[in-house]
Amino acid sequence: MTVARTLERPAQRALDGAQFKRAFTTREAANYIGRSSSWLRKKRLRGFADPTDAGPDFIKTPSGTVIYLREALDGYLDQLAAGS
């Protein structure tokens, strides 16, 4: 007898646990909004120079770690959906 196994994509596994998380790493946040980690990094850097080209809001901890709150990511997605 053969046992069929389904393999999940890594991004799908990250999204499955996202419903319980409040804070995301750059990689997790990128998966959550459907972008790449490098896109988020570029938006962080360019957002200071041009606020109209900024990505989602983020927090930089005292240790230098960048985190994204779910509220900020959802707000960013809502902004895109509204066409703002």
N, C-alpha and C. Protein backbone atom coordinates (compact mmCIF):
# COMPACT_ATOMS: atom_id res chain seq x y z
N MET A 1 0.84 -1.17 0.00
CA MET A 1 0.00 0.00 0.00
C MET A 1 0.89 1.24 0.00
N THR A 2 0.55 2.21 -0.83
CA THR A 2 1.31 3.44 -0.94
C THR A 2 0.63 4.55 -0.16
N VAL A 3 1.41 5.27 0.60
CA VAL A 3 0.87 6.39 1.36
C VAL A 3 1.21 7.67 0.61
N ALA A 4 0.19 8.43 0.28
CA ALA A 4 0.41 9.69 -0.44
C ALA A 4 0.71 10.79 0.57
N ARG A 5 1.74 11.55 0.29
CA ARG A 5 2.10 12.69 1.15
C ARG A 5 2.00 13.96 0.34
N THR A 6 1.48 14.95 0.96
CA THR A 6 1.44 16.25 0.30
C THR A 6 2.54 17.11 0.90
N LEU A 7 3.24 17.77 0.05
CA LEU A 7 4.31 18.66 0.49
C LEU A 7 3.81 20.09 0.40
N GLU A 8 3.96 20.80 1.48
CA GLU A 8 3.56 22.20 1.49
C GLU A 8 4.73 23.07 1.07
N ARG A 9 4.41 24.15 0.43
CA ARG A 9 5.45 25.12 0.11
C ARG A 9 5.83 25.86 1.39
N PRO A 10 7.08 26.27 1.55
CA PRO A 10 7.49 26.99 2.77
C PRO A 10 6.65 28.22 3.03
N ALA A 11 6.28 28.96 1.99
CA ALA A 11 5.48 30.17 2.18
C ALA A 11 4.12 29.81 2.75
N GLN A 12 3.54 28.70 2.33
CA GLN A 12 2.24 28.29 2.85
C GLN A 12 2.34 27.93 4.33
N ARG A 13 3.42 27.25 4.72
CA ARG A 13 3.60 26.93 6.14
C ARG A 13 3.70 28.20 6.95
N ALA A 14 4.39 29.21 6.44
CA ALA A 14 4.53 30.48 7.15
C ALA A 14 3.18 31.16 7.30
N LEU A 15 2.36 31.10 6.27
CA LEU A 15 1.05 31.73 6.33
C LEU A 15 0.11 30.99 7.27
N ASP A 16 0.24 29.68 7.37
CA ASP A 16 -0.62 28.91 8.25
C ASP A 16 -0.48 29.37 9.70
N GLY A 17 0.73 29.65 10.14
CA GLY A 17 0.95 30.12 11.50
C GLY A 17 0.76 31.61 11.66
N ALA A 18 0.60 32.33 10.57
CA ALA A 18 0.51 33.80 10.63
C ALA A 18 -0.73 34.29 11.35
N GLN A 19 -1.79 33.49 11.36
CA GLN A 19 -3.02 33.96 11.97
C GLN A 19 -2.88 34.18 13.48
N PHE A 20 -1.87 33.58 14.10
CA PHE A 20 -1.68 33.72 15.54
C PHE A 20 -0.56 34.68 15.90
N LYS A 21 0.20 35.13 14.93
CA LYS A 21 1.35 35.99 15.20
C LYS A 21 0.95 37.46 15.19
N ARG A 22 1.62 38.25 16.01
CA ARG A 22 1.42 39.70 15.98
C ARG A 22 2.61 40.39 15.34
N ALA A 23 3.81 39.83 15.52
CA ALA A 23 5.03 40.43 14.98
C ALA A 23 5.70 39.44 14.02
N PHE A 24 6.20 39.98 12.91
CA PHE A 24 6.80 39.17 11.86
C PHE A 24 8.22 39.61 11.57
N THR A 25 9.07 38.66 11.21
CA THR A 25 10.39 38.99 10.69
C THR A 25 10.21 39.52 9.27
N THR A 26 11.28 40.01 8.68
CA THR A 26 11.20 40.50 7.30
C THR A 26 10.73 39.40 6.35
N ARG A 27 11.27 38.21 6.49
CA ARG A 27 10.89 37.11 5.61
C ARG A 27 9.42 36.74 5.79
N GLU A 28 8.98 36.65 7.04
CA GLU A 28 7.59 36.31 7.31
C GLU A 28 6.64 37.39 6.79
N ALA A 29 7.03 38.65 7.00
CA ALA A 29 6.21 39.77 6.53
C ALA A 29 6.11 39.76 5.01
N ALA A 30 7.22 39.47 4.35
CA ALA A 30 7.22 39.41 2.89
C ALA A 30 6.27 38.32 2.40
N ASN A 31 6.31 37.16 3.02
CA ASN A 31 5.38 36.09 2.67
C ASN A 31 3.94 36.50 2.92
N TYR A 32 3.71 37.18 4.01
CA TYR A 32 2.36 37.59 4.40
C TYR A 32 1.74 38.54 3.37
N ILE A 33 2.55 39.47 2.84
CA ILE A 33 1.99 40.43 1.87
C ILE A 33 2.26 40.04 0.42
N GLY A 34 2.92 38.91 0.22
CA GLY A 34 3.14 38.43 -1.15
C GLY A 34 4.26 39.12 -1.89
N ARG A 35 5.25 39.57 -1.17
CA ARG A 35 6.42 40.21 -1.78
C ARG A 35 7.68 39.46 -1.35
N SER A 36 8.82 39.90 -1.87
CA SER A 36 10.09 39.28 -1.48
C SER A 36 10.72 40.04 -0.31
N SER A 37 11.62 39.37 0.38
CA SER A 37 12.34 40.02 1.49
C SER A 37 13.15 41.20 0.99
N SER A 38 13.76 41.05 -0.19
CA SER A 38 14.58 42.14 -0.73
C SER A 38 13.71 43.36 -1.07
N TRP A 39 12.49 43.13 -1.51
CA TRP A 39 11.58 44.25 -1.80
C TRP A 39 11.30 45.04 -0.52
N LEU A 40 11.05 44.33 0.58
CA LEU A 40 10.81 45.02 1.85
C LEU A 40 12.03 45.79 2.32
N ARG A 41 13.22 45.18 2.18
CA ARG A 41 14.45 45.89 2.57
C ARG A 41 14.63 47.16 1.75
N LYS A 42 14.39 47.08 0.45
CA LYS A 42 14.52 48.26 -0.41
C LYS A 42 13.51 49.34 -0.01
N LYS A 43 12.29 48.93 0.29
CA LYS A 43 11.27 49.89 0.70
C LYS A 43 11.65 50.56 2.02
N ARG A 44 12.25 49.80 2.93
CA ARG A 44 12.69 50.39 4.20
C ARG A 44 13.72 51.48 3.95
N LEU A 45 14.68 51.21 3.07
CA LEU A 45 15.75 52.17 2.81
C LEU A 45 15.26 53.37 2.01
N ARG A 46 14.45 53.14 1.00
CA ARG A 46 13.97 54.23 0.15
C ARG A 46 12.87 55.04 0.79
N GLY A 47 12.16 54.46 1.74
CA GLY A 47 11.06 55.14 2.39
C GLY A 47 11.49 56.39 3.13
N PHE A 48 12.72 56.40 3.63
CA PHE A 48 13.21 57.58 4.34
C PHE A 48 13.46 58.72 3.35
N ALA A 49 13.91 58.39 2.17
CA ALA A 49 14.19 59.41 1.16
C ALA A 49 12.92 59.87 0.46
N ASP A 50 11.98 58.97 0.25
CA ASP A 50 10.75 59.29 -0.46
C ASP A 50 9.57 58.61 0.22
N PRO A 51 8.91 59.30 1.16
CA PRO A 51 7.81 58.69 1.91
C PRO A 51 6.65 58.20 1.03
N THR A 52 6.53 58.72 -0.18
CA THR A 52 5.46 58.25 -1.06
C THR A 52 5.78 56.87 -1.63
N ASP A 53 7.03 56.45 -1.51
CA ASP A 53 7.46 55.14 -2.02
C ASP A 53 7.76 54.18 -0.87
N ALA A 54 7.22 54.47 0.31
CA ALA A 54 7.51 53.64 1.48
C ALA A 54 6.65 52.39 1.48
N GLY A 55 7.18 51.34 2.04
CA GLY A 55 6.42 50.11 2.21
C GLY A 55 5.68 50.15 3.53
N PRO A 56 5.37 49.00 4.09
CA PRO A 56 4.66 48.96 5.37
C PRO A 56 5.53 49.49 6.50
N ASP A 57 4.87 50.03 7.52
CA ASP A 57 5.60 50.52 8.70
C ASP A 57 6.30 49.36 9.39
N PHE A 58 7.42 49.66 10.03
CA PHE A 58 8.20 48.63 10.72
C PHE A 58 8.75 49.21 12.00
N ILE A 59 9.25 48.34 12.84
CA ILE A 59 9.89 48.73 14.10
C ILE A 59 11.30 48.17 14.09
N LYS A 60 12.25 48.98 14.50
CA LYS A 60 13.62 48.51 14.65
C LYS A 60 13.91 48.44 16.15
N THR A 61 14.20 47.26 16.64
CA THR A 61 14.45 47.06 18.06
C THR A 61 15.81 47.62 18.44
N PRO A 62 16.07 47.80 19.73
CA PRO A 62 17.39 48.28 20.17
C PRO A 62 18.54 47.40 19.69
N SER A 63 18.27 46.13 19.47
CA SER A 63 19.33 45.23 19.00
C SER A 63 19.51 45.31 17.48
N GLY A 64 18.65 46.07 16.79
CA GLY A 64 18.77 46.24 15.36
C GLY A 64 17.87 45.32 14.54
N THR A 65 17.13 44.47 15.21
CA THR A 65 16.20 43.57 14.51
C THR A 65 15.02 44.36 13.99
N VAL A 66 14.63 44.09 12.77
CA VAL A 66 13.47 44.75 12.17
C VAL A 66 12.28 43.82 12.31
N ILE A 67 11.17 44.36 12.82
CA ILE A 67 9.94 43.57 12.90
C ILE A 67 8.79 44.37 12.30
N TYR A 68 7.84 43.64 11.80
CA TYR A 68 6.63 44.22 11.22
C TYR A 68 5.44 43.73 12.04
N LEU A 69 4.59 44.64 12.46
CA LEU A 69 3.39 44.25 13.18
C LEU A 69 2.29 43.91 12.19
N ARG A 70 1.46 42.94 12.57
CA ARG A 70 0.36 42.51 11.71
C ARG A 70 -0.52 43.70 11.32
N GLU A 71 -0.79 44.58 12.28
CA GLU A 71 -1.64 45.74 12.01
C GLU A 71 -1.07 46.61 10.89
N ALA A 72 0.25 46.78 10.90
CA ALA A 72 0.90 47.59 9.87
C ALA A 72 0.82 46.91 8.50
N LEU A 73 1.00 45.61 8.48
CA LEU A 73 0.94 44.87 7.22
C LEU A 73 -0.49 44.87 6.67
N ASP A 74 -1.47 44.66 7.54
CA ASP A 74 -2.86 44.69 7.10
C ASP A 74 -3.24 46.09 6.60
N GLY A 75 -2.77 47.11 7.31
CA GLY A 75 -3.03 48.49 6.89
C GLY A 75 -2.43 48.79 5.53
N TYR A 76 -1.23 48.30 5.31
CA TYR A 76 -0.57 48.49 4.01
C TYR A 76 -1.35 47.81 2.88
N LEU A 77 -1.81 46.59 3.14
CA LEU A 77 -2.60 45.87 2.14
C LEU A 77 -3.92 46.57 1.89
N ASP A 78 -4.55 47.08 2.94
CA ASP A 78 -5.80 47.83 2.77
C ASP A 78 -5.59 49.08 1.94
N GLN A 79 -4.45 49.75 2.16
CA GLN A 79 -4.09 50.94 1.38
C GLN A 79 -3.95 50.60 -0.10
N LEU A 80 -3.30 49.49 -0.39
CA LEU A 80 -3.15 49.07 -1.78
C LEU A 80 -4.50 48.74 -2.41
N ALA A 81 -5.35 48.07 -1.65
CA ALA A 81 -6.67 47.69 -2.17
C ALA A 81 -7.54 48.91 -2.44
N ALA A 82 -7.35 49.96 -1.62
CA ALA A 82 -8.15 51.18 -1.79
C ALA A 82 -7.60 52.05 -2.92
N GLY A 83 -6.41 51.72 -3.39
CA GLY A 83 -5.82 52.49 -4.48
C GLY A 83 -5.13 53.77 -4.04
N SER A 84 -4.82 53.86 -2.76
CA SER A 84 -4.16 55.07 -2.25
C SER A 84 -2.68 55.03 -2.48
